[in-house]
Amino acid sequence: PFPLNKKKEKNEGNTANFFSLNSLTILNSKEQITSLLLAGGVIHFSVIRKLATACTSDEECLDLLNQLGVLVQGCWTYRSALKRANNKLYTTARDWMSLKGM
Protein backbone atom coordinates (compact mmCIF):
# COMPACT_ATOMS: atom_id res chain seq x y z
CA PRO A 1 0.00 0.00 0.00
CA PHE A 2 0.92 3.61 -0.39
CA PRO A 3 2.97 4.87 2.57
CA LEU A 4 1.03 7.41 4.57
CA ASN A 5 2.62 10.53 6.00
CA LYS A 6 2.26 11.04 9.72
CA LYS A 7 1.45 14.63 10.70
CA LYS A 8 0.46 16.14 14.01
CA GLU A 9 -2.87 17.86 14.23
CA LYS A 10 -2.42 21.28 15.82
CA ASN A 11 -5.55 21.35 17.96
CA GLU A 12 -5.52 17.86 19.41
CA GLY A 13 -1.85 16.85 19.40
CA ASN A 14 -2.79 13.44 17.98
CA THR A 15 -0.86 11.81 15.19
CA ALA A 16 -3.09 11.11 12.19
CA ASN A 17 -2.55 9.52 8.79
CA PHE A 18 -2.83 11.81 5.78
CA PHE A 19 -2.12 11.25 2.12
CA SER A 20 -2.59 13.28 -0.99
CA LEU A 21 -5.55 12.33 -3.13
CA ASN A 22 -3.36 13.05 -6.14
CA SER A 23 -0.96 10.36 -4.97
CA LEU A 24 -3.73 7.78 -5.39
CA THR A 25 -3.69 8.26 -9.15
CA ILE A 26 -0.27 6.58 -9.49
CA LEU A 27 -1.44 3.41 -7.72
CA ASN A 28 -3.17 0.37 -9.18
CA SER A 29 -6.71 -0.47 -8.07
CA LYS A 30 -5.67 -2.89 -5.28
CA GLU A 31 -3.21 -0.35 -3.82
CA GLN A 32 -5.82 2.41 -4.04
CA ILE A 33 -8.43 0.38 -2.15
CA THR A 34 -5.88 -0.72 0.46
CA SER A 35 -4.76 2.86 1.04
CA LEU A 36 -8.32 4.15 1.31
CA LEU A 37 -9.35 1.45 3.77
CA LEU A 38 -6.31 1.95 5.98
CA ALA A 39 -6.56 5.74 5.94
CA GLY A 40 -10.35 6.00 6.12
CA GLY A 41 -11.09 3.48 8.84
CA VAL A 42 -14.80 3.17 7.97
CA ILE A 43 -15.82 4.37 4.53
CA HIS A 44 -18.92 4.23 2.29
CA PHE A 45 -18.76 2.37 -1.02
CA SER A 46 -19.73 5.51 -2.95
CA VAL A 47 -16.68 7.34 -1.58
CA ILE A 48 -14.37 4.42 -2.33
CA ARG A 49 -15.76 4.15 -5.84
CA LYS A 50 -15.26 7.86 -6.45
CA LEU A 51 -11.68 7.91 -5.15
CA ALA A 52 -10.49 4.55 -6.49
CA THR A 53 -10.18 5.75 -10.05
CA ALA A 54 -8.17 2.72 -11.20
CA CYS A 55 -11.20 0.46 -10.69
CA THR A 56 -12.86 0.06 -14.05
CA SER A 57 -16.20 -1.25 -12.73
CA ASP A 58 -18.25 -1.66 -9.58
CA GLU A 59 -17.66 -5.42 -9.79
CA GLU A 60 -13.86 -5.00 -9.79
CA CYS A 61 -14.09 -2.62 -6.86
CA LEU A 62 -16.37 -4.99 -4.90
CA ASP A 63 -14.12 -7.99 -5.61
CA LEU A 64 -11.14 -6.10 -4.17
CA LEU A 65 -13.16 -4.87 -1.20
CA ASN A 66 -14.21 -8.45 -0.42
CA GLN A 67 -10.52 -9.46 -0.40
CA LEU A 68 -9.23 -6.49 1.61
CA GLY A 69 -12.16 -5.29 3.68
CA VAL A 70 -15.16 -6.20 5.78
CA LEU A 71 -18.65 -4.79 5.24
CA VAL A 72 -20.02 -3.52 8.56
CA GLN A 73 -23.46 -1.93 8.73
CA GLY A 74 -23.28 -0.61 5.17
CA CYS A 75 -19.70 0.72 5.34
CA TRP A 76 -16.35 -0.86 4.55
CA THR A 77 -13.42 -1.18 6.93
CA TYR A 78 -10.05 -2.89 6.51
CA ARG A 79 -9.55 -6.55 7.33
CA SER A 80 -7.44 -6.86 10.43
CA ALA A 81 -4.89 -8.90 8.51
CA LEU A 82 -3.92 -5.75 6.57
CA LYS A 83 -2.43 -4.24 9.72
CA ARG A 84 -1.64 -7.23 11.92
CA ALA A 85 -0.99 -10.19 9.66
CA ASN A 86 1.28 -11.85 12.24
CA ASN A 87 -1.34 -11.92 15.04
CA LYS A 88 -4.00 -14.43 13.99
CA LEU A 89 -5.95 -14.28 17.27
CA TYR A 90 -6.24 -10.47 17.12
CA THR A 91 -7.30 -10.45 13.46
CA THR A 92 -9.93 -13.14 13.98
CA ALA A 93 -11.34 -11.44 17.10
CA ARG A 94 -11.43 -7.97 15.50
CA ASP A 95 -13.12 -9.22 12.33
CA TRP A 96 -15.68 -11.21 14.37
CA MET A 97 -16.48 -8.19 16.57
CA SER A 98 -16.81 -6.00 13.48
CA LEU A 99 -19.30 -8.40 11.94
CA LYS A 100 -21.30 -8.54 15.18
CA GLY A 101 -21.47 -4.73 15.29
CA MET A 102 -19.73 -4.36 18.62
C-alpha atoms as a PDB file:
ATOM      1  CA  PRO A   1       0.000   0.000   0.000  1.00  0.00           C
ATOM      2  CA  PHE A   2       0.923   3.609  -0.392  1.00  0.00           C
ATOM      3  CA  PRO A   3       2.968   4.867   2.565  1.00  0.00           C
ATOM      4  CA  LEU A   4       1.032   7.415   4.572  1.00  0.00           C
ATOM      5  CA  ASN A   5       2.622  10.531   6.001  1.00  0.00           C
ATOM      6  CA  LYS A   6       2.257  11.037   9.723  1.00  0.00           C
ATOM      7  CA  LYS A   7       1.450  14.628  10.702  1.00  0.00           C
ATOM      8  CA  LYS A   8       0.465  16.139  14.014  1.00  0.00           C
ATOM      9  CA  GLU A   9      -2.874  17.862  14.228  1.00  0.00           C
ATOM     10  CA  LYS A  10      -2.421  21.276  15.821  1.00  0.00           C
ATOM     11  CA  ASN A  11      -5.553  21.348  17.956  1.00  0.00           C
ATOM     12  CA  GLU A  12      -5.523  17.856  19.408  1.00  0.00           C
ATOM     13  CA  GLY A  13      -1.855  16.854  19.400  1.00  0.00           C
ATOM     14  CA  ASN A  14      -2.793  13.438  17.976  1.00  0.00           C
ATOM     15  CA  THR A  15      -0.860  11.813  15.186  1.00  0.00           C
ATOM     16  CA  ALA A  16      -3.092  11.108  12.191  1.00  0.00           C
ATOM     17  CA  ASN A  17      -2.548   9.522   8.789  1.00  0.00           C
ATOM     18  CA  PHE A  18      -2.825  11.808   5.781  1.00  0.00           C
ATOM     19  CA  PHE A  19      -2.117  11.248   2.123  1.00  0.00           C
ATOM     20  CA  SER A  20      -2.590  13.276  -0.993  1.00  0.00           C
ATOM     21  CA  LEU A  21      -5.554  12.326  -3.131  1.00  0.00           C
ATOM     22  CA  ASN A  22      -3.364  13.052  -6.141  1.00  0.00           C
ATOM     23  CA  SER A  23      -0.956  10.355  -4.968  1.00  0.00           C
ATOM     24  CA  LEU A  24      -3.735   7.777  -5.385  1.00  0.00           C
ATOM     25  CA  THR A  25      -3.691   8.261  -9.149  1.00  0.00           C
ATOM     26  CA  ILE A  26      -0.272   6.579  -9.494  1.00  0.00           C
ATOM     27  CA  LEU A  27      -1.442   3.411  -7.718  1.00  0.00           C
ATOM     28  CA  ASN A  28      -3.166   0.371  -9.175  1.00  0.00           C
ATOM     29  CA  SER A  29      -6.705  -0.474  -8.071  1.00  0.00           C
ATOM     30  CA  LYS A  30      -5.667  -2.886  -5.282  1.00  0.00           C
ATOM     31  CA  GLU A  31      -3.214  -0.351  -3.823  1.00  0.00           C
ATOM     32  CA  GLN A  32      -5.824   2.414  -4.040  1.00  0.00           C
ATOM     33  CA  ILE A  33      -8.428   0.376  -2.152  1.00  0.00           C
ATOM     34  CA  THR A  34      -5.876  -0.718   0.460  1.00  0.00           C
ATOM     35  CA  SER A  35      -4.756   2.864   1.041  1.00  0.00           C
ATOM     36  CA  LEU A  36      -8.323   4.150   1.306  1.00  0.00           C
ATOM     37  CA  LEU A  37      -9.353   1.447   3.775  1.00  0.00           C
ATOM     38  CA  LEU A  38      -6.307   1.950   5.977  1.00  0.00           C
ATOM     39  CA  ALA A  39      -6.563   5.743   5.936  1.00  0.00           C
ATOM     40  CA  GLY A  40     -10.347   5.997   6.125  1.00  0.00           C
ATOM     41  CA  GLY A  41     -11.089   3.480   8.840  1.00  0.00           C
ATOM     42  CA  VAL A  42     -14.801   3.173   7.969  1.00  0.00           C
ATOM     43  CA  ILE A  43     -15.821   4.370   4.535  1.00  0.00           C
ATOM     44  CA  HIS A  44     -18.921   4.227   2.290  1.00  0.00           C
ATOM     45  CA  PHE A  45     -18.758   2.371  -1.018  1.00  0.00           C
ATOM     46  CA  SER A  46     -19.731   5.506  -2.948  1.00  0.00           C
ATOM     47  CA  VAL A  47     -16.684   7.341  -1.581  1.00  0.00           C
ATOM     48  CA  ILE A  48     -14.373   4.419  -2.326  1.00  0.00           C
ATOM     49  CA  ARG A  49     -15.765   4.150  -5.837  1.00  0.00           C
ATOM     50  CA  LYS A  50     -15.265   7.858  -6.453  1.00  0.00           C
ATOM     51  CA  LEU A  51     -11.675   7.910  -5.149  1.00  0.00           C
ATOM     52  CA  ALA A  52     -10.490   4.546  -6.495  1.00  0.00           C
ATOM     53  CA  THR A  53     -10.175   5.754 -10.052  1.00  0.00           C
ATOM     54  CA  ALA A  54      -8.165   2.720 -11.204  1.00  0.00           C
ATOM     55  CA  CYS A  55     -11.201   0.457 -10.693  1.00  0.00           C
ATOM     56  CA  THR A  56     -12.858   0.057 -14.053  1.00  0.00           C
ATOM     57  CA  SER A  57     -16.196  -1.247 -12.729  1.00  0.00           C
ATOM     58  CA  ASP A  58     -18.250  -1.656  -9.575  1.00  0.00           C
ATOM     59  CA  GLU A  59     -17.662  -5.415  -9.787  1.00  0.00           C
ATOM     60  CA  GLU A  60     -13.865  -5.004  -9.793  1.00  0.00           C
ATOM     61  CA  CYS A  61     -14.090  -2.621  -6.857  1.00  0.00           C
ATOM     62  CA  LEU A  62     -16.365  -4.990  -4.898  1.00  0.00           C
ATOM     63  CA  ASP A  63     -14.117  -7.987  -5.613  1.00  0.00           C
ATOM     64  CA  LEU A  64     -11.140  -6.098  -4.168  1.00  0.00           C
ATOM     65  CA  LEU A  65     -13.163  -4.873  -1.201  1.00  0.00           C
ATOM     66  CA  ASN A  66     -14.207  -8.453  -0.423  1.00  0.00           C
ATOM     67  CA  GLN A  67     -10.523  -9.461  -0.399  1.00  0.00           C
ATOM     68  CA  LEU A  68      -9.233  -6.490   1.614  1.00  0.00           C
ATOM     69  CA  GLY A  69     -12.159  -5.286   3.680  1.00  0.00           C
ATOM     70  CA  VAL A  70     -15.159  -6.199   5.781  1.00  0.00           C
ATOM     71  CA  LEU A  71     -18.652  -4.789   5.244  1.00  0.00           C
ATOM     72  CA  VAL A  72     -20.017  -3.519   8.561  1.00  0.00           C
ATOM     73  CA  GLN A  73     -23.459  -1.925   8.726  1.00  0.00           C
ATOM     74  CA  GLY A  74     -23.279  -0.605   5.173  1.00  0.00           C
ATOM     75  CA  CYS A  75     -19.703   0.717   5.339  1.00  0.00           C
ATOM     76  CA  TRP A  76     -16.351  -0.860   4.554  1.00  0.00           C
ATOM     77  CA  THR A  77     -13.423  -1.183   6.931  1.00  0.00           C
ATOM     78  CA  TYR A  78     -10.055  -2.886   6.512  1.00  0.00           C
ATOM     79  CA  ARG A  79      -9.553  -6.549   7.327  1.00  0.00           C
ATOM     80  CA  SER A  80      -7.444  -6.856  10.427  1.00  0.00           C
ATOM     81  CA  ALA A  81      -4.886  -8.895   8.510  1.00  0.00           C
ATOM     82  CA  LEU A  82      -3.916  -5.750   6.567  1.00  0.00           C
ATOM     83  CA  LYS A  83      -2.428  -4.242   9.722  1.00  0.00           C
ATOM     84  CA  ARG A  84      -1.639  -7.233  11.919  1.00  0.00           C
ATOM     85  CA  ALA A  85      -0.986 -10.190   9.662  1.00  0.00           C
ATOM     86  CA  ASN A  86       1.277 -11.847  12.236  1.00  0.00           C
ATOM     87  CA  ASN A  87      -1.336 -11.922  15.044  1.00  0.00           C
ATOM     88  CA  LYS A  88      -3.996 -14.431  13.986  1.00  0.00           C
ATOM     89  CA  LEU A  89      -5.950 -14.280  17.267  1.00  0.00           C
ATOM     90  CA  TYR A  90      -6.239 -10.465  17.116  1.00  0.00           C
ATOM     91  CA  THR A  91      -7.299 -10.452  13.462  1.00  0.00           C
ATOM     92  CA  THR A  92      -9.934 -13.141  13.983  1.00  0.00           C
ATOM     93  CA  ALA A  93     -11.335 -11.442  17.105  1.00  0.00           C
ATOM     94  CA  ARG A  94     -11.431  -7.969  15.496  1.00  0.00           C
ATOM     95  CA  ASP A  95     -13.117  -9.220  12.330  1.00  0.00           C
ATOM     96  CA  TRP A  96     -15.677 -11.214  14.367  1.00  0.00           C
ATOM     97  CA  MET A  97     -16.482  -8.193  16.573  1.00  0.00           C
ATOM     98  CA  SER A  98     -16.809  -6.002  13.477  1.00  0.00           C
ATOM     99  CA  LEU A  99     -19.301  -8.402  11.941  1.00  0.00           C
ATOM    100  CA  LYS A 100     -21.302  -8.543  15.178  1.00  0.00           C
ATOM    101  CA  GLY A 101     -21.466  -4.733  15.287  1.00  0.00           C
ATOM    102  CA  MET A 102     -19.732  -4.360  18.618  1.00  0.00           C
END
